[in-house]
Amino acid sequence: MKRATRQRLVLLLAVAALLAIALWQMRQDARHAPGTLLQLDPARINHIVLSLPGAPAMHYAKRHGHWWRIDGTPARANDGRLNELADTAAAEVLSWRPASDFDPARIGLAPPRAALSLDGQTLEFGETSVTGPQRYVRAGQRVALVSERYMPRSPAIKTTELQ
């Protein structure tokens, strides 16, 4: 075997070994990732209930691909804003902890700052974490930390009004 051929073979084996190590690391990372808030596909969510302090709960339903407010007389809702609320189901969780590890009042969950029900699964939003722009969210018997951008706002508020 020529020297150049041997060098190429060694180089090819080294590249293959590095690819195998990278694949193994990606699988390890995926296995230990905290996941998302809910195991729901945002595109398949059909019912949303949003409760904000000082306001009555707002009920929405998706009909024929568009969101409608169904409190009282049905009226078209802002599809983009409601899709943002539905996307909360797929919010990447930074960490999970048992709800019993927290005093709900200290993290803003007694009462919650907002409650969002997506197809019957409720998420309760608390205070912003002291460690960064993250929000405490109770989902069942666990509390997650998620990005602040998932904090629900009223679909009636335009994005330009918030800036």
Protein backbone atom coordinates (compact mmCIF):
# COMPACT_ATOMS: atom_id res chain seq x y z
CA MET A 1 0.00 0.00 0.00
CA LYS A 2 1.38 3.38 -0.95
CA ARG A 3 2.08 5.96 1.71
CA ALA A 4 -0.50 8.43 0.30
CA THR A 5 -3.20 5.73 0.27
CA ARG A 6 -2.41 4.83 3.89
CA GLN A 7 -2.64 8.49 4.93
CA ARG A 8 -6.03 8.87 3.21
CA LEU A 9 -7.31 5.70 4.87
CA VAL A 10 -6.18 6.90 8.33
CA LEU A 11 -7.75 10.30 7.67
CA LEU A 12 -11.01 8.67 6.56
CA LEU A 13 -11.07 6.49 9.69
CA ALA A 14 -10.44 9.54 11.89
CA VAL A 15 -13.32 11.44 10.24
CA ALA A 16 -15.62 8.42 10.68
CA ALA A 17 -14.66 8.19 14.37
CA LEU A 18 -15.37 11.91 14.89
CA LEU A 19 -18.76 11.58 13.19
CA ALA A 20 -19.63 8.60 15.39
CA ILE A 21 -18.67 10.53 18.53
CA ALA A 22 -20.71 13.57 17.42
CA LEU A 23 -23.76 11.37 16.71
CA TRP A 24 -23.44 9.70 20.12
CA GLN A 25 -23.21 13.13 21.83
CA MET A 26 -26.28 14.43 19.99
CA ARG A 27 -28.28 11.36 21.09
CA GLN A 28 -27.14 11.85 24.69
CA ASP A 29 -28.14 15.52 24.60
CA ALA A 30 -31.55 14.68 23.11
CA ARG A 31 -32.18 12.01 25.76
CA HIS A 32 -31.42 14.44 28.59
CA ALA A 33 -33.24 17.46 27.11
CA PRO A 34 -36.15 18.70 29.26
CA GLY A 35 -38.53 18.81 26.26
CA THR A 36 -41.55 21.05 25.77
CA LEU A 37 -44.32 22.30 28.06
CA LEU A 38 -47.01 20.02 26.63
CA GLN A 39 -47.05 17.01 24.37
CA LEU A 40 -49.43 18.75 21.96
CA ASP A 41 -48.87 19.75 18.34
CA PRO A 42 -49.68 23.49 18.22
CA ALA A 43 -51.19 23.12 14.73
CA ARG A 44 -53.75 20.61 16.07
CA ILE A 45 -54.95 22.72 19.01
CA ASN A 46 -58.62 23.67 18.55
CA HIS A 47 -59.65 25.24 21.87
CA ILE A 48 -57.92 27.93 23.91
CA VAL A 49 -59.03 29.52 27.17
CA LEU A 50 -57.01 32.51 28.38
CA SER A 51 -57.44 33.88 31.90
CA LEU A 52 -55.69 37.12 32.83
CA PRO A 53 -56.00 38.92 36.18
CA GLY A 54 -58.88 41.38 36.39
CA ALA A 55 -60.58 40.13 33.23
CA PRO A 56 -63.07 37.38 32.48
CA ALA A 57 -61.73 34.24 30.83
CA MET A 58 -61.59 34.45 27.03
CA HIS A 59 -62.65 31.34 25.10
CA TYR A 60 -61.53 30.65 21.54
CA ALA A 61 -62.17 27.86 19.06
CA LYS A 62 -60.60 27.10 15.71
CA ARG A 63 -63.13 26.69 12.92
CA HIS A 64 -62.20 26.05 9.30
CA GLY A 65 -58.60 27.11 9.94
CA HIS A 66 -59.45 30.42 11.67
CA TRP A 67 -59.76 31.39 15.32
CA TRP A 68 -63.08 32.63 16.71
CA ARG A 69 -63.90 34.13 20.09
CA ILE A 70 -66.81 32.05 21.33
CA ASP A 71 -67.83 34.05 24.41
CA GLY A 72 -71.30 35.34 23.58
CA THR A 73 -71.73 36.07 19.88
CA PRO A 74 -68.94 34.34 17.89
CA ALA A 75 -66.48 36.81 16.36
CA ARG A 76 -63.29 36.33 14.35
CA ALA A 77 -60.13 36.61 16.43
CA ASN A 78 -56.60 37.55 15.46
CA ASP A 79 -55.24 34.30 13.98
CA GLY A 80 -51.60 35.28 14.47
CA ARG A 81 -52.02 36.07 18.16
CA LEU A 82 -53.99 32.88 18.84
CA ASN A 83 -51.43 30.80 16.94
CA GLU A 84 -48.77 32.34 19.21
CA LEU A 85 -50.77 31.17 22.22
CA ALA A 86 -51.07 27.68 20.69
CA ASP A 87 -47.31 27.65 20.07
CA THR A 88 -46.84 27.87 23.83
CA ALA A 89 -47.51 24.11 23.96
CA ALA A 90 -44.21 23.57 22.14
CA ALA A 91 -42.21 26.04 24.26
CA GLU A 92 -38.75 24.67 25.00
CA VAL A 93 -38.38 24.02 28.71
CA LEU A 94 -35.11 25.11 30.29
CA SER A 95 -35.65 22.93 33.38
CA TRP A 96 -38.36 20.99 35.23
CA ARG A 97 -38.82 20.64 38.98
CA PRO A 98 -41.58 19.13 41.10
CA ALA A 99 -44.20 21.69 42.13
CA SER A 100 -43.66 20.59 45.73
CA ASP A 101 -40.16 22.20 45.60
CA PHE A 102 -41.75 25.67 45.50
CA ASP A 103 -43.95 27.90 47.60
CA PRO A 104 -46.53 28.90 44.94
CA ALA A 105 -46.94 32.41 46.39
CA ARG A 106 -43.19 33.11 46.15
CA ILE A 107 -43.04 32.35 42.42
CA GLY A 108 -46.29 34.08 41.51
CA LEU A 109 -48.51 31.03 41.19
CA ALA A 110 -50.91 31.83 44.05
CA PRO A 111 -52.76 33.25 42.20
CA PRO A 112 -51.12 32.81 38.78
CA ARG A 113 -50.30 35.85 36.64
CA ALA A 114 -52.03 34.14 33.71
CA ALA A 115 -53.62 30.77 32.96
CA LEU A 116 -53.71 29.24 29.52
CA SER A 117 -55.72 26.14 28.67
CA LEU A 118 -54.85 24.44 25.40
CA ASP A 119 -57.32 21.69 24.46
CA GLY A 120 -58.05 21.19 28.18
CA GLN A 121 -54.43 21.12 29.41
CA THR A 122 -53.76 24.06 31.73
CA LEU A 123 -50.57 26.06 32.07
CA GLU A 124 -50.29 28.57 34.92
CA PHE A 125 -47.74 31.38 34.57
CA GLY A 126 -45.99 32.91 37.55
CA GLU A 127 -43.27 35.47 38.15
CA THR A 128 -40.12 36.11 36.18
CA SER A 129 -37.14 34.17 37.48
CA VAL A 130 -34.30 36.07 39.14
CA THR A 131 -31.82 34.15 36.97
CA GLY A 132 -32.85 35.78 33.72
CA PRO A 133 -35.73 36.50 31.34
CA GLN A 134 -37.49 33.27 32.25
CA ARG A 135 -40.95 32.60 33.60
CA TYR A 136 -42.17 29.97 36.07
CA VAL A 137 -44.92 27.82 34.53
CA ARG A 138 -46.89 25.16 36.39
CA ALA A 139 -48.00 22.24 34.24
CA GLY A 140 -49.71 19.60 36.34
CA GLN A 141 -47.50 18.61 39.27
CA ARG A 142 -44.33 20.14 37.79
CA VAL A 143 -42.95 23.65 37.41
CA ALA A 144 -40.93 24.61 34.36
CA LEU A 145 -38.75 27.55 33.49
CA VAL A 146 -39.44 28.85 29.98
CA SER A 147 -38.48 31.94 28.03
CA GLU A 148 -40.33 35.13 29.01
CA ARG A 149 -41.65 35.44 25.45
CA TYR A 150 -44.22 32.71 26.13
CA MET A 151 -46.04 34.76 28.78
CA PRO A 152 -49.62 35.06 27.48
CA ARG A 153 -50.99 38.48 26.57
CA SER A 154 -54.46 39.38 25.53
CA PRO A 155 -55.07 38.64 21.83
CA ALA A 156 -56.82 42.02 21.67
CA ILE A 157 -53.51 43.86 22.27
CA LYS A 158 -51.58 44.66 19.11
CA THR A 159 -47.86 43.93 19.13
CA THR A 160 -47.11 47.61 18.42
CA GLU A 161 -48.95 48.60 21.61
CA LEU A 162 -46.49 46.57 23.70
CA GLN A 163 -43.38 48.34 22.46
